[in-house]
Amino acid sequence: MVQNPGMEVHIHPFKVTKAINDLDTDWYLQTSPEFAMKELLSEGFDKIYNISYCFRDEQESSTHRPQFLMLEWYRAHENYQKIKADCNDLVTNFPGSRFKSVEEVSVEELFLEYCSMNILDFLDTNDLYQKIEKDFPQFGISKELPFEDLFFILFLNLIEPQFKNHPALIVDKYPAPLSALSTINKKDPRVCERFELYLNGIEAANCFNELTDLKIQSSRFEKDALQKKKAYGYTLPKPQVLYGALEKGLPPSAGIAMGVERFLMAMTNEENLFY
């Protein structure tokens, strides 16, 4: 149980209540061990991993259940390119793996190929809204939607279905407005340093080159909190464990979270490993 389960807008936690008298508590089940692991990084640990159950209130399916296993690992004093190498090694060298290699593509390249547009030319929310309204009227979008929602309307409907043709794929360089807990690319500030690993068309892992600046991170979280309140009507307490780690000093680091069942489903070709 944790006091803050994670700050992502569209990830929803389970709150803990006491069975006796149905009393509410201030505790949540973790959606990820990320904040606690970053606390360890701030204490001087440099190569750490964790496999544990996480809990997310999302629709149950063959690729998700409310309780699932997550493998999360971090490398201090390393760039996220090293985590890419980890993923390549894990996917191709896992015993019995059917994957010979891992492709890599940028978000920019995907939008050019499948949407005939350069998403990096539409980083302003209003510009993206107008583009979708003009060129993709089938989605009937609202002008109130934030950039993230507009982006994923196109990504999830027009791009992600194509991943079934790419057995093992790393999608890199997401637009800067989707930076979350990741750093901005110094050479191209239009993109952030994060990638996602897809196996058999299903997202299996999400990696960040970790943001270590407390001021920037707290500013991002404040915006996320307002968006979560507006979209879902609830707020979460401030992530004091993470803030404490950043204040103490988080070294340049990279980390990734991988769904264990999803990974094993891809490795074994089983349709459902959520026993």
C-alpha atoms as a PDB file:
ATOM      1  CA  MET A   1       0.000   0.000   0.000  1.00  0.00           C
ATOM      2  CA  VAL A   2       1.237   3.486  -0.856  1.00  0.00           C
ATOM      3  CA  GLN A   3       0.128   7.038  -0.224  1.00  0.00           C
ATOM      4  CA  ASN A   4       0.402   7.960  -3.904  1.00  0.00           C
ATOM      5  CA  PRO A   5      -0.046   5.184  -6.479  1.00  0.00           C
ATOM      6  CA  GLY A   6       1.085   7.151  -9.564  1.00  0.00           C
ATOM      7  CA  MET A   7       0.158  10.397 -11.274  1.00  0.00           C
ATOM      8  CA  GLU A   8      -0.698   9.423 -14.865  1.00  0.00           C
ATOM      9  CA  VAL A   9      -4.005  10.977 -15.858  1.00  0.00           C
ATOM     10  CA  HIS A  10      -5.633   7.874 -17.345  1.00  0.00           C
ATOM     11  CA  ILE A  11      -4.310   5.254 -14.908  1.00  0.00           C
ATOM     12  CA  HIS A  12      -6.761   4.635 -12.063  1.00  0.00           C
ATOM     13  CA  PRO A  13      -5.860   3.106  -8.702  1.00  0.00           C
ATOM     14  CA  PHE A  14      -7.754   1.098  -6.123  1.00  0.00           C
ATOM     15  CA  LYS A  15      -8.190   2.801  -2.769  1.00  0.00           C
ATOM     16  CA  VAL A  16      -7.996   0.729   0.409  1.00  0.00           C
ATOM     17  CA  THR A  17     -10.872   0.555   2.883  1.00  0.00           C
ATOM     18  CA  LYS A  18     -11.118  -1.309   6.180  1.00  0.00           C
ATOM     19  CA  ALA A  19     -13.548  -4.214   6.268  1.00  0.00           C
ATOM     20  CA  ILE A  20     -14.569  -3.305   9.819  1.00  0.00           C
ATOM     21  CA  ASN A  21     -17.146  -0.517   9.595  1.00  0.00           C
ATOM     22  CA  ASP A  22     -16.198   0.015   5.943  1.00  0.00           C
ATOM     23  CA  LEU A  23     -13.815   2.793   6.987  1.00  0.00           C
ATOM     24  CA  ASP A  24     -11.924   4.689   4.327  1.00  0.00           C
ATOM     25  CA  THR A  25      -8.147   5.018   4.534  1.00  0.00           C
ATOM     26  CA  ASP A  26      -5.484   7.245   2.943  1.00  0.00           C
ATOM     27  CA  TRP A  27      -3.780   4.247   1.300  1.00  0.00           C
ATOM     28  CA  TYR A  28      -3.821   2.970  -2.274  1.00  0.00           C
ATOM     29  CA  LEU A  29      -2.639  -0.210  -3.962  1.00  0.00           C
ATOM     30  CA  GLN A  30       0.365   0.571  -6.116  1.00  0.00           C
ATOM     31  CA  THR A  31      -0.121   0.987  -9.861  1.00  0.00           C
ATOM     32  CA  SER A  32       3.676   0.750 -10.210  1.00  0.00           C
ATOM     33  CA  PRO A  33       6.659   0.495  -7.824  1.00  0.00           C
ATOM     34  CA  GLU A  34       8.266   3.452  -9.631  1.00  0.00           C
ATOM     35  CA  PHE A  35       8.335   6.036  -6.857  1.00  0.00           C
ATOM     36  CA  ALA A  36       9.753   3.612  -4.286  1.00  0.00           C
ATOM     37  CA  MET A  37      12.425   2.463  -6.726  1.00  0.00           C
ATOM     38  CA  LYS A  38      13.455   6.034  -7.455  1.00  0.00           C
ATOM     39  CA  GLU A  39      13.797   6.503  -3.711  1.00  0.00           C
ATOM     40  CA  LEU A  40      16.340   3.655  -3.811  1.00  0.00           C
ATOM     41  CA  LEU A  41      18.194   5.347  -6.683  1.00  0.00           C
ATOM     42  CA  SER A  42      18.434   8.515  -4.598  1.00  0.00           C
ATOM     43  CA  GLU A  43      19.991   6.394  -1.815  1.00  0.00           C
ATOM     44  CA  GLY A  44      22.802   5.288  -4.106  1.00  0.00           C
ATOM     45  CA  PHE A  45      21.562   2.026  -5.632  1.00  0.00           C
ATOM     46  CA  ASP A  46      22.566   1.909  -9.290  1.00  0.00           C
ATOM     47  CA  LYS A  47      21.175  -1.256 -10.948  1.00  0.00           C
ATOM     48  CA  ILE A  48      17.882  -2.388  -9.459  1.00  0.00           C
ATOM     49  CA  TYR A  49      14.845  -4.419 -10.485  1.00  0.00           C
ATOM     50  CA  ASN A  50      11.571  -5.466  -8.963  1.00  0.00           C
ATOM     51  CA  ILE A  51       8.899  -8.022  -9.831  1.00  0.00           C
ATOM     52  CA  SER A  52       5.665  -7.523  -7.945  1.00  0.00           C
ATOM     53  CA  TYR A  53       1.920  -7.276  -8.349  1.00  0.00           C
ATOM     54  CA  CYS A  54       0.450  -3.961  -9.420  1.00  0.00           C
ATOM     55  CA  PHE A  55      -3.184  -2.922  -9.492  1.00  0.00           C
ATOM     56  CA  ARG A  56      -5.003  -0.775 -12.050  1.00  0.00           C
ATOM     57  CA  ASP A  57      -8.717  -0.171 -12.367  1.00  0.00           C
ATOM     58  CA  GLU A  58      -9.128  -0.857 -16.068  1.00  0.00           C
ATOM     59  CA  GLN A  59     -11.436  -3.059 -18.097  1.00  0.00           C
ATOM     60  CA  GLU A  60     -10.532  -6.723 -17.730  1.00  0.00           C
ATOM     61  CA  SER A  61      -9.539  -8.542 -20.919  1.00  0.00           C
ATOM     62  CA  SER A  62      -7.216 -11.252 -22.220  1.00  0.00           C
ATOM     63  CA  THR A  63      -4.352  -8.719 -22.042  1.00  0.00           C
ATOM     64  CA  HIS A  64      -5.198  -7.010 -18.743  1.00  0.00           C
ATOM     65  CA  ARG A  65      -6.599  -7.780 -15.343  1.00  0.00           C
ATOM     66  CA  PRO A  66      -6.852  -5.498 -12.281  1.00  0.00           C
ATOM     67  CA  GLN A  67      -4.003  -7.401 -10.583  1.00  0.00           C
ATOM     68  CA  PHE A  68      -0.986  -8.158 -12.763  1.00  0.00           C
ATOM     69  CA  LEU A  69       2.742  -8.766 -12.469  1.00  0.00           C
ATOM     70  CA  MET A  70       5.142  -5.988 -13.378  1.00  0.00           C
ATOM     71  CA  LEU A  71       8.873  -6.222 -13.941  1.00  0.00           C
ATOM     72  CA  GLU A  72      10.507  -2.842 -13.457  1.00  0.00           C
ATOM     73  CA  TRP A  73      14.222  -2.119 -13.706  1.00  0.00           C
ATOM     74  CA  TYR A  74      16.435   0.972 -13.509  1.00  0.00           C
ATOM     75  CA  ARG A  75      20.009   1.838 -14.441  1.00  0.00           C
ATOM     76  CA  ALA A  76      21.588   4.841 -12.718  1.00  0.00           C
ATOM     77  CA  HIS A  77      24.111   6.869 -14.720  1.00  0.00           C
ATOM     78  CA  GLU A  78      22.808   5.370 -17.969  1.00  0.00           C
ATOM     79  CA  ASN A  79      20.815   6.737 -20.896  1.00  0.00           C
ATOM     80  CA  TYR A  80      17.594   5.061 -22.008  1.00  0.00           C
ATOM     81  CA  GLN A  81      19.402   3.718 -25.067  1.00  0.00           C
ATOM     82  CA  LYS A  82      20.916   1.163 -22.683  1.00  0.00           C
ATOM     83  CA  ILE A  83      17.418   0.018 -21.722  1.00  0.00           C
ATOM     84  CA  LYS A  84      16.693  -0.470 -25.431  1.00  0.00           C
ATOM     85  CA  ALA A  85      19.653  -2.829 -25.554  1.00  0.00           C
ATOM     86  CA  ASP A  86      18.287  -4.639 -22.489  1.00  0.00           C
ATOM     87  CA  CYS A  87      14.937  -5.121 -24.230  1.00  0.00           C
ATOM     88  CA  ASN A  88      16.576  -6.375 -27.408  1.00  0.00           C
ATOM     89  CA  ASP A  89      18.623  -8.880 -25.436  1.00  0.00           C
ATOM     90  CA  LEU A  90      15.652 -10.026 -23.371  1.00  0.00           C
ATOM     91  CA  VAL A  91      13.295 -10.434 -26.326  1.00  0.00           C
ATOM     92  CA  THR A  92      15.737 -12.194 -28.653  1.00  0.00           C
ATOM     93  CA  ASN A  93      17.637 -14.327 -26.106  1.00  0.00           C
ATOM     94  CA  PHE A  94      14.747 -15.442 -23.890  1.00  0.00           C
ATOM     95  CA  PRO A  95      14.642 -19.278 -23.887  1.00  0.00           C
ATOM     96  CA  GLY A  96      12.490 -20.458 -26.780  1.00  0.00           C
ATOM     97  CA  SER A  97      11.990 -16.930 -28.143  1.00  0.00           C
ATOM     98  CA  ARG A  98      10.523 -16.742 -31.649  1.00  0.00           C
ATOM     99  CA  PHE A  99      11.788 -13.172 -32.088  1.00  0.00           C
ATOM    100  CA  LYS A 100      15.032 -12.820 -34.059  1.00  0.00           C
ATOM    101  CA  SER A 101      15.258  -9.040 -33.818  1.00  0.00           C
ATOM    102  CA  VAL A 102      13.478  -5.924 -32.553  1.00  0.00           C
ATOM    103  CA  GLU A 103      12.529  -3.213 -35.042  1.00  0.00           C
ATOM    104  CA  GLU A 104      12.732   0.450 -34.062  1.00  0.00           C
ATOM    105  CA  VAL A 105      10.664   3.339 -35.387  1.00  0.00           C
ATOM    106  CA  SER A 106       9.932   6.896 -34.267  1.00  0.00           C
ATOM    107  CA  VAL A 107       6.480   8.297 -33.626  1.00  0.00           C
ATOM    108  CA  GLU A 108       7.167  10.876 -36.322  1.00  0.00           C
ATOM    109  CA  GLU A 109       7.784   8.127 -38.887  1.00  0.00           C
ATOM    110  CA  LEU A 110       4.607   6.291 -37.891  1.00  0.00           C
ATOM    111  CA  PHE A 111       2.408   9.358 -38.323  1.00  0.00           C
ATOM    112  CA  LEU A 112       3.965  10.124 -41.698  1.00  0.00           C
ATOM    113  CA  GLU A 113       3.331   6.574 -42.900  1.00  0.00           C
ATOM    114  CA  TYR A 114      -0.159   5.917 -41.534  1.00  0.00           C
ATOM    115  CA  CYS A 115      -1.673   9.389 -41.117  1.00  0.00           C
ATOM    116  CA  SER A 116       0.139  11.317 -43.866  1.00  0.00           C
ATOM    117  CA  MET A 117       1.084  14.035 -41.392  1.00  0.00           C
ATOM    118  CA  ASN A 118       4.069  15.027 -39.300  1.00  0.00           C
ATOM    119  CA  ILE A 119       2.805  15.002 -35.723  1.00  0.00           C
ATOM    120  CA  LEU A 120       5.752  17.207 -34.691  1.00  0.00           C
ATOM    121  CA  ASP A 121       4.227  20.035 -36.729  1.00  0.00           C
ATOM    122  CA  PHE A 122       1.109  19.914 -34.548  1.00  0.00           C
ATOM    123  CA  LEU A 123       2.374  20.107 -30.968  1.00  0.00           C
ATOM    124  CA  ASP A 124      -0.040  22.931 -30.173  1.00  0.00           C
ATOM    125  CA  THR A 125      -3.299  21.441 -28.935  1.00  0.00           C
ATOM    126  CA  ASN A 126      -5.487  23.755 -31.014  1.00  0.00           C
ATOM    127  CA  ASP A 127      -3.453  23.063 -34.152  1.00  0.00           C
ATOM    128  CA  LEU A 128      -3.840  19.313 -33.663  1.00  0.00           C
ATOM    129  CA  TYR A 129      -7.549  19.688 -32.995  1.00  0.00           C
ATOM    130  CA  GLN A 130      -8.040  21.598 -36.233  1.00  0.00           C
ATOM    131  CA  LYS A 131      -5.986  19.046 -38.161  1.00  0.00           C
ATOM    132  CA  ILE A 132      -8.075  16.137 -36.890  1.00  0.00           C
ATOM    133  CA  GLU A 133     -11.332  17.987 -37.433  1.00  0.00           C
ATOM    134  CA  LYS A 134     -10.334  18.734 -41.036  1.00  0.00           C
ATOM    135  CA  ASP A 135      -8.641  15.491 -42.105  1.00  0.00           C
ATOM    136  CA  PHE A 136     -10.171  12.904 -39.756  1.00  0.00           C
ATOM    137  CA  PRO A 137     -13.813  13.989 -39.242  1.00  0.00           C
ATOM    138  CA  GLN A 138     -14.871  10.389 -38.536  1.00  0.00           C
ATOM    139  CA  PHE A 139     -13.692  10.726 -34.926  1.00  0.00           C
ATOM    140  CA  GLY A 140     -16.051  13.571 -33.964  1.00  0.00           C
ATOM    141  CA  ILE A 141     -13.689  15.102 -31.431  1.00  0.00           C
ATOM    142  CA  SER A 142     -14.387  17.731 -28.800  1.00  0.00           C
ATOM    143  CA  LYS A 143     -12.436  20.984 -28.632  1.00  0.00           C
ATOM    144  CA  GLU A 144     -12.071  20.440 -24.884  1.00  0.00           C
ATOM    145  CA  LEU A 145      -9.751  17.456 -25.302  1.00  0.00           C
ATOM    146  CA  PRO A 146      -6.106  17.871 -24.221  1.00  0.00           C
ATOM    147  CA  PHE A 147      -3.193  17.094 -26.540  1.00  0.00           C
ATOM    148  CA  GLU A 148      -2.691  13.606 -25.092  1.00  0.00           C
ATOM    149  CA  ASP A 149      -6.245  12.533 -25.896  1.00  0.00           C
ATOM    150  CA  LEU A 150      -6.122  13.984 -29.399  1.00  0.00           C
ATOM    151  CA  PHE A 151      -2.822  12.237 -30.036  1.00  0.00           C
ATOM    152  CA  PHE A 152      -4.076   8.852 -28.913  1.00  0.00           C
ATOM    153  CA  ILE A 153      -7.287   9.115 -30.913  1.00  0.00           C
ATOM    154  CA  LEU A 154      -5.090   8.934 -34.003  1.00  0.00           C
ATOM    155  CA  PHE A 155      -2.432   6.641 -32.557  1.00  0.00           C
ATOM    156  CA  LEU A 156      -4.749   3.979 -31.162  1.00  0.00           C
ATOM    157  CA  ASN A 157      -7.172   3.940 -34.084  1.00  0.00           C
ATOM    158  CA  LEU A 158      -4.926   4.398 -37.114  1.00  0.00           C
ATOM    159  CA  ILE A 159      -1.419   3.396 -36.078  1.00  0.00           C
ATOM    160  CA  GLU A 160      -1.422   0.792 -33.323  1.00  0.00           C
ATOM    161  CA  PRO A 161      -3.540  -1.716 -35.333  1.00  0.00           C
ATOM    162  CA  GLN A 162      -0.675  -1.822 -37.858  1.00  0.00           C
ATOM    163  CA  PHE A 163       1.712  -3.204 -35.232  1.00  0.00           C
ATOM    164  CA  LYS A 164       0.382  -6.716 -35.743  1.00  0.00           C
ATOM    165  CA  ASN A 165       2.590  -6.749 -38.840  1.00  0.00           C
ATOM    166  CA  HIS A 166       5.672  -6.004 -36.698  1.00  0.00           C
ATOM    167  CA  PRO A 167       6.224  -8.851 -34.182  1.00  0.00           C
ATOM    168  CA  ALA A 168       8.719  -6.981 -31.977  1.00  0.00           C
ATOM    169  CA  LEU A 169       8.762  -3.199 -32.209  1.00  0.00           C
ATOM    170  CA  ILE A 170      10.217  -0.301 -30.225  1.00  0.00           C
ATOM    171  CA  VAL A 171       8.353   2.988 -30.729  1.00  0.00           C
ATOM    172  CA  ASP A 172      10.624   5.892 -29.773  1.00  0.00           C
ATOM    173  CA  LYS A 173      10.654   9.695 -29.550  1.00  0.00           C
ATOM    174  CA  TYR A 174       7.152  10.597 -28.442  1.00  0.00           C
ATOM    175  CA  PRO A 175       6.072  14.244 -28.798  1.00  0.00           C
ATOM    176  CA  ALA A 176       7.310  16.493 -25.994  1.00  0.00           C
ATOM    177  CA  PRO A 177       3.776  17.113 -24.567  1.00  0.00           C
ATOM    178  CA  LEU A 178       3.732  13.374 -23.695  1.00  0.00           C
ATOM    179  CA  SER A 179       6.953  13.549 -21.693  1.00  0.00           C
ATOM    180  CA  ALA A 180       5.329  12.471 -18.383  1.00  0.00           C
ATOM    181  CA  LEU A 181       8.333  11.510 -16.200  1.00  0.00           C
ATOM    182  CA  SER A 182      10.890  11.573 -19.023  1.00  0.00           C
ATOM    183  CA  THR A 183      13.493  14.062 -20.211  1.00  0.00           C
ATOM    184  CA  ILE A 184      13.217  16.271 -23.290  1.00  0.00           C
ATOM    185  CA  ASN A 185      15.641  15.519 -26.121  1.00  0.00           C
ATOM    186  CA  LYS A 186      18.344  18.211 -26.124  1.00  0.00           C
ATOM    187  CA  LYS A 187      18.983  17.997 -29.871  1.00  0.00           C
ATOM    188  CA  ASP A 188      15.291  18.051 -30.781  1.00  0.00           C
ATOM    189  CA  PRO A 189      13.107  19.584 -28.026  1.00  0.00           C
ATOM    190  CA  ARG A 190       9.993  18.612 -29.976  1.00  0.00           C
ATOM    191  CA  VAL A 191      10.375  15.055 -28.672  1.00  0.00           C
ATOM    192  CA  CYS A 192      10.948  13.402 -25.316  1.00  0.00           C
ATOM    193  CA  GLU A 193      13.194  10.493 -24.442  1.00  0.00           C
ATOM    194  CA  ARG A 194      10.801   7.621 -23.915  1.00  0.00           C
ATOM    195  CA  PHE A 195       9.902   4.489 -25.831  1.00  0.00           C
ATOM    196  CA  GLU A 196       7.376   1.693 -25.732  1.00  0.00           C
ATOM    197  CA  LEU A 197       7.962  -1.954 -26.611  1.00  0.00           C
ATOM    198  CA  TYR A 198       5.250  -3.789 -28.557  1.00  0.00           C
ATOM    199  CA  LEU A 199       5.175  -7.572 -28.918  1.00  0.00           C
ATOM    200  CA  ASN A 200       2.720  -9.116 -31.362  1.00  0.00           C
ATOM    201  CA  GLY A 201       0.968  -5.758 -31.567  1.00  0.00           C
ATOM    202  CA  ILE A 202       0.415  -5.417 -27.805  1.00  0.00           C
ATOM    203  CA  GLU A 203       2.189  -2.858 -25.615  1.00  0.00           C
ATOM    204  CA  ALA A 204       4.474  -4.791 -23.283  1.00  0.00           C
ATOM    205  CA  ALA A 205       6.748  -2.145 -21.747  1.00  0.00           C
ATOM    206  CA  ASN A 206       7.168   1.599 -21.283  1.00  0.00           C
ATOM    207  CA  CYS A 207      10.587   3.235 -20.794  1.00  0.00           C
ATOM    208  CA  PHE A 208      11.655   6.715 -19.662  1.00  0.00           C
ATOM    209  CA  ASN A 209      14.966   8.489 -19.630  1.00  0.00           C
ATOM    210  CA  GLU A 210      14.169   9.720 -16.146  1.00  0.00           C
ATOM    211  CA  LEU A 211      13.486  13.364 -15.360  1.00  0.00           C
ATOM    212  CA  THR A 212      15.510  14.395 -12.297  1.00  0.00           C
ATOM    213  CA  ASP A 213      14.393  18.034 -11.952  1.00  0.00           C
ATOM    214  CA  LEU A 214      11.948  18.462  -9.057  1.00  0.00           C
ATOM    215  CA  LYS A 215      10.634  21.823 -10.237  1.00  0.00           C
ATOM    216  CA  ILE A 216       9.785  20.605 -13.728  1.00  0.00           C
ATOM    217  CA  GLN A 217       8.324  17.324 -12.476  1.00  0.00           C
ATOM    218  CA  SER A 218       6.072  18.960  -9.886  1.00  0.00           C
ATOM    219  CA  SER A 219       4.848  21.423 -12.524  1.00  0.00           C
ATOM    220  CA  ARG A 220       3.924  18.547 -14.841  1.00  0.00           C
ATOM    221  CA  PHE A 221       2.141  16.726 -12.038  1.00  0.00           C
ATOM    222  CA  GLU A 222       0.106  19.802 -11.137  1.00  0.00           C
ATOM    223  CA  LYS A 223      -1.163  19.957 -14.719  1.00  0.00           C
ATOM    224  CA  ASP A 224      -1.907  16.225 -14.679  1.00  0.00           C
ATOM    225  CA  ALA A 225      -3.820  16.561 -11.409  1.00  0.00           C
ATOM    226  CA  LEU A 226      -6.038  19.283 -12.872  1.00  0.00           C
ATOM    227  CA  GLN A 227      -6.669  17.174 -15.962  1.00  0.00           C
ATOM    228  CA  LYS A 228      -7.525  14.088 -13.884  1.00  0.00           C
ATOM    229  CA  LYS A 229      -9.922  16.114 -11.738  1.00  0.00           C
ATOM    230  CA  LYS A 230     -11.608  17.546 -14.823  1.00  0.00           C
ATOM    231  CA  ALA A 231     -11.854  14.217 -16.645  1.00  0.00           C
ATOM    232  CA  TYR A 232     -12.628  11.832 -13.768  1.00  0.00           C
ATOM    233  CA  GLY A 233     -13.664  13.926 -10.779  1.00  0.00           C
ATOM    234  CA  TYR A 234     -11.010  12.860  -8.280  1.00  0.00           C
ATOM    235  CA  THR A 235      -7.574  13.937  -7.104  1.00  0.00           C
ATOM    236  CA  LEU A 236      -4.619  12.152  -5.539  1.00  0.00           C
ATOM    237  CA  PRO A 237      -2.245  13.331  -2.815  1.00  0.00           C
ATOM    238  CA  LYS A 238       1.110  14.726  -3.853  1.00  0.00           C
ATOM    239  CA  PRO A 239       3.765  12.059  -4.554  1.00  0.00           C
ATOM    240  CA  GLN A 240       5.927  12.919  -1.570  1.00  0.00           C
ATOM    241  CA  VAL A 241       8.100   9.800  -1.931  1.00  0.00           C
ATOM    242  CA  LEU A 242       9.100  10.813  -5.445  1.00  0.00           C
ATOM    243  CA  TYR A 243       9.501  14.478  -4.503  1.00  0.00           C
ATOM    244  CA  GLY A 244      11.719  13.448  -1.605  1.00  0.00           C
ATOM    245  CA  ALA A 245      13.892  11.356  -3.928  1.00  0.00           C
ATOM    246  CA  LEU A 246      14.216  14.215  -6.414  1.00  0.00           C
ATOM    247  CA  GLU A 247      15.024  16.668  -3.640  1.00  0.00           C
ATOM    248  CA  LYS A 248      17.662  14.345  -2.214  1.00  0.00           C
ATOM    249  CA  GLY A 249      19.153  13.947  -5.671  1.00  0.00           C
ATOM    250  CA  LEU A 250      18.226  11.419  -8.332  1.00  0.00           C
ATOM    251  CA  PRO A 251      21.203  10.586 -10.579  1.00  0.00           C
ATOM    252  CA  PRO A 252      20.791  10.566 -14.353  1.00  0.00           C
ATOM    253  CA  SER A 253      18.895   7.309 -14.828  1.00  0.00           C
ATOM    254  CA  ALA A 254      16.740   5.268 -17.165  1.00  0.00           C
ATOM    255  CA  GLY A 255      13.986   2.870 -16.236  1.00  0.00           C
ATOM    256  CA  ILE A 256      11.325   0.638 -17.727  1.00  0.00           C
ATOM    257  CA  ALA A 257       8.133  -1.109 -16.630  1.00  0.00           C
ATOM    258  CA  MET A 258       7.159  -4.379 -18.336  1.00  0.00           C
ATOM    259  CA  GLY A 259       3.964  -6.390 -18.002  1.00  0.00           C
ATOM    260  CA  VAL A 260       5.173  -9.907 -17.148  1.00  0.00           C
ATOM    261  CA  GLU A 261       2.077 -11.755 -18.346  1.00  0.00           C
ATOM    262  CA  ARG A 262       2.045  -9.832 -21.627  1.00  0.00           C
ATOM    263  CA  PHE A 263       5.722 -10.577 -22.155  1.00  0.00           C
ATOM    264  CA  LEU A 264       5.253 -14.292 -21.455  1.00  0.00           C
ATOM    265  CA  MET A 265       2.187 -14.426 -23.696  1.00  0.00           C
ATOM    266  CA  ALA A 266       4.348 -13.174 -26.558  1.00  0.00           C
ATOM    267  CA  MET A 267       7.184 -15.568 -25.717  1.00  0.00           C
ATOM    268  CA  THR A 268       4.960 -18.662 -25.437  1.00  0.00           C
ATOM    269  CA  ASN A 269       2.282 -17.704 -27.984  1.00  0.00           C
ATOM    270  CA  GLU A 270      -0.352 -18.371 -25.329  1.00  0.00           C
ATOM    271  CA  GLU A 271      -3.514 -16.271 -25.659  1.00  0.00           C
ATOM    272  CA  ASN A 272      -4.053 -15.698 -21.943  1.00  0.00           C
ATOM    273  CA  LEU A 273      -1.608 -16.207 -19.090  1.00  0.00           C
ATOM    274  CA  PHE A 274      -3.704 -14.451 -16.452  1.00  0.00           C
ATOM    275  CA  TYR A 275      -4.468 -17.481 -14.331  1.00  0.00           C
END
